[in-house]
């Protein structure tokens, strides 16, 4: 999301909470498609790099807040949150065209190139593996 000074900013606290509530239980692909409330509303279209930065920030915030864990093949990713985000960010496609890697619906998230999926963690301890 850009502010009036044309500088990149992320979601406000209210937008973050709204997105988190709306997308709870969603897969990585659904988060990607619905991450930006302004794009969803049609008010502004993020560039790929802006959307990628927002997505990484959102995932990082969810991890830090304890709402999700990242997992692959039935196991949680090892290491600190910062290390997990670093692995995810390093593997993330550099361009929008790279998102199409012959995966289902053309999304990188569903390919073997994606280092992890999302496991939603609920207050009662339930884990929703997406």
Protein backbone atom coordinates (compact mmCIF):
# COMPACT_ATOMS: atom_id res chain seq x y z
CA UNK A 1 0.00 0.00 0.00
CA UNK A 2 1.38 3.42 -0.85
CA UNK A 3 0.83 6.49 1.23
CA UNK A 4 0.48 9.99 -0.25
CA UNK A 5 4.25 10.40 -0.27
CA UNK A 6 4.41 7.34 -2.58
CA UNK A 7 6.41 5.39 0.01
CA UNK A 8 5.72 1.74 0.71
CA UNK A 9 3.84 1.07 3.91
CA UNK A 10 2.10 -1.97 5.22
CA UNK A 11 -1.33 -2.47 6.68
CA UNK A 12 -2.65 -0.38 9.52
CA UNK A 13 -3.35 -2.34 12.70
CA UNK A 14 -7.07 -2.31 11.89
CA UNK A 15 -6.45 -3.54 8.32
CA UNK A 16 -4.12 -6.25 9.64
CA UNK A 17 -6.72 -7.49 12.13
CA UNK A 18 -9.46 -7.39 9.47
CA UNK A 19 -7.30 -9.31 6.96
CA UNK A 20 -6.30 -11.84 9.62
CA UNK A 21 -9.92 -12.42 10.66
CA UNK A 22 -11.14 -12.62 7.07
CA UNK A 23 -8.35 -14.95 5.90
CA UNK A 24 -8.03 -17.21 8.96
CA UNK A 25 -7.79 -20.78 7.72
CA UNK A 26 -6.81 -19.73 4.19
CA UNK A 27 -3.99 -21.34 2.24
CA UNK A 28 -0.87 -19.53 1.05
CA UNK A 29 -2.48 -19.07 -2.38
CA UNK A 30 -5.67 -17.58 -0.95
CA UNK A 31 -3.64 -15.20 1.19
CA UNK A 32 -1.72 -14.08 -1.89
CA UNK A 33 -4.91 -13.47 -3.88
CA UNK A 34 -6.54 -11.48 -1.05
CA UNK A 35 -3.69 -9.88 0.88
CA UNK A 36 -4.27 -6.25 -0.05
CA UNK A 37 -7.61 -4.78 1.03
CA UNK A 38 -7.27 -1.85 -1.38
CA UNK A 39 -6.59 -4.11 -4.37
CA UNK A 40 -9.52 -6.32 -3.41
CA UNK A 41 -11.72 -3.23 -3.28
CA UNK A 42 -10.34 -2.09 -6.64
CA UNK A 43 -9.01 1.21 -5.27
CA UNK A 44 -5.36 0.56 -6.11
CA UNK A 45 -3.35 -2.20 -7.74
CA UNK A 46 -0.06 -3.08 -6.08
CA UNK A 47 2.97 -3.85 -8.17
CA UNK A 48 4.30 -7.38 -7.88
CA UNK A 49 7.19 -6.22 -5.67
CA UNK A 50 4.80 -4.30 -3.39
CA UNK A 51 2.46 -7.27 -3.12
CA UNK A 52 5.41 -9.58 -2.40
CA UNK A 53 6.70 -7.24 0.35
CA UNK A 54 3.21 -6.98 1.88
CA UNK A 55 2.79 -10.76 1.75
CA UNK A 56 6.15 -11.41 3.45
CA UNK A 57 5.36 -8.79 6.08
CA UNK A 58 1.91 -10.31 6.71
CA UNK A 59 3.25 -13.86 7.06
CA UNK A 60 5.99 -12.61 9.37
CA UNK A 61 3.47 -10.78 11.55
CA UNK A 62 1.20 -13.84 11.74
CA UNK A 63 4.19 -15.95 12.80
CA UNK A 64 5.27 -13.44 15.45
CA UNK A 65 1.71 -13.19 16.78
CA UNK A 66 1.51 -17.00 17.05
CA UNK A 67 -1.40 -17.27 14.61
CA UNK A 68 0.43 -19.51 12.13
CA UNK A 69 3.40 -21.79 11.73
CA UNK A 70 5.11 -22.69 8.48
CA UNK A 71 5.32 -26.37 7.59
CA UNK A 72 6.43 -28.67 4.80
CA UNK A 73 5.54 -32.34 4.29
CA UNK A 74 3.88 -32.63 7.70
CA UNK A 75 6.72 -31.01 9.69
CA UNK A 76 7.10 -27.49 11.01
CA UNK A 77 10.00 -25.53 9.55
CA UNK A 78 12.97 -25.42 11.91
CA UNK A 79 14.73 -22.29 13.09
CA UNK A 80 13.75 -18.87 14.30
CA UNK A 81 10.91 -16.92 12.74
CA UNK A 82 13.48 -14.65 11.11
CA UNK A 83 15.28 -17.65 9.59
CA UNK A 84 12.00 -19.16 8.34
CA UNK A 85 11.02 -15.84 6.72
CA UNK A 86 14.48 -15.56 5.18
CA UNK A 87 14.13 -19.04 3.62
CA UNK A 88 10.65 -18.19 2.35
CA UNK A 89 11.75 -14.82 0.97
CA UNK A 90 14.88 -16.24 -0.73
CA UNK A 91 12.78 -18.89 -2.51
CA UNK A 92 10.03 -16.45 -3.49
CA UNK A 93 9.79 -15.81 -7.26
CA UNK A 94 11.65 -12.67 -8.33
CA UNK A 95 9.02 -11.64 -10.89
CA UNK A 96 5.31 -12.11 -11.44
CA UNK A 97 6.06 -14.30 -14.47
CA UNK A 98 8.10 -16.60 -12.21
CA UNK A 99 4.96 -17.29 -10.16
CA UNK A 100 3.85 -19.51 -13.05
CA UNK A 101 6.05 -22.55 -12.59
CA UNK A 102 3.71 -25.15 -14.06
CA UNK A 103 1.96 -25.47 -10.73
CA UNK A 104 -1.79 -25.90 -10.32
CA UNK A 105 -3.40 -22.61 -11.38
CA UNK A 106 0.12 -21.38 -12.11
CA UNK A 107 0.87 -20.54 -8.50
CA UNK A 108 4.31 -21.06 -7.09
CA UNK A 109 2.80 -21.69 -3.65
CA UNK A 110 1.53 -25.09 -4.79
CA UNK A 111 4.83 -26.20 -6.29
CA UNK A 112 7.81 -27.96 -4.77
CA UNK A 113 9.69 -24.65 -5.11
CA UNK A 114 7.68 -23.14 -2.25
CA UNK A 115 9.43 -23.93 1.04
CA UNK A 116 6.29 -24.14 3.20
CA UNK A 117 2.58 -23.98 3.62
CA UNK A 118 0.61 -22.38 6.43
CA UNK A 119 -0.68 -24.07 9.56
CA UNK A 120 -3.19 -21.90 11.39
CA UNK A 121 -2.92 -22.17 15.17
CA UNK A 122 -6.11 -21.62 17.17
CA UNK A 123 -6.42 -20.61 20.83
CA UNK A 124 -7.80 -24.05 21.74
CA UNK A 125 -4.67 -25.68 20.27
CA UNK A 126 -6.31 -26.84 17.04
CA UNK A 127 -3.96 -26.81 14.05
CA UNK A 128 -5.47 -26.21 10.62
CA UNK A 129 -2.99 -27.50 8.02
CA UNK A 130 -3.69 -25.78 4.70
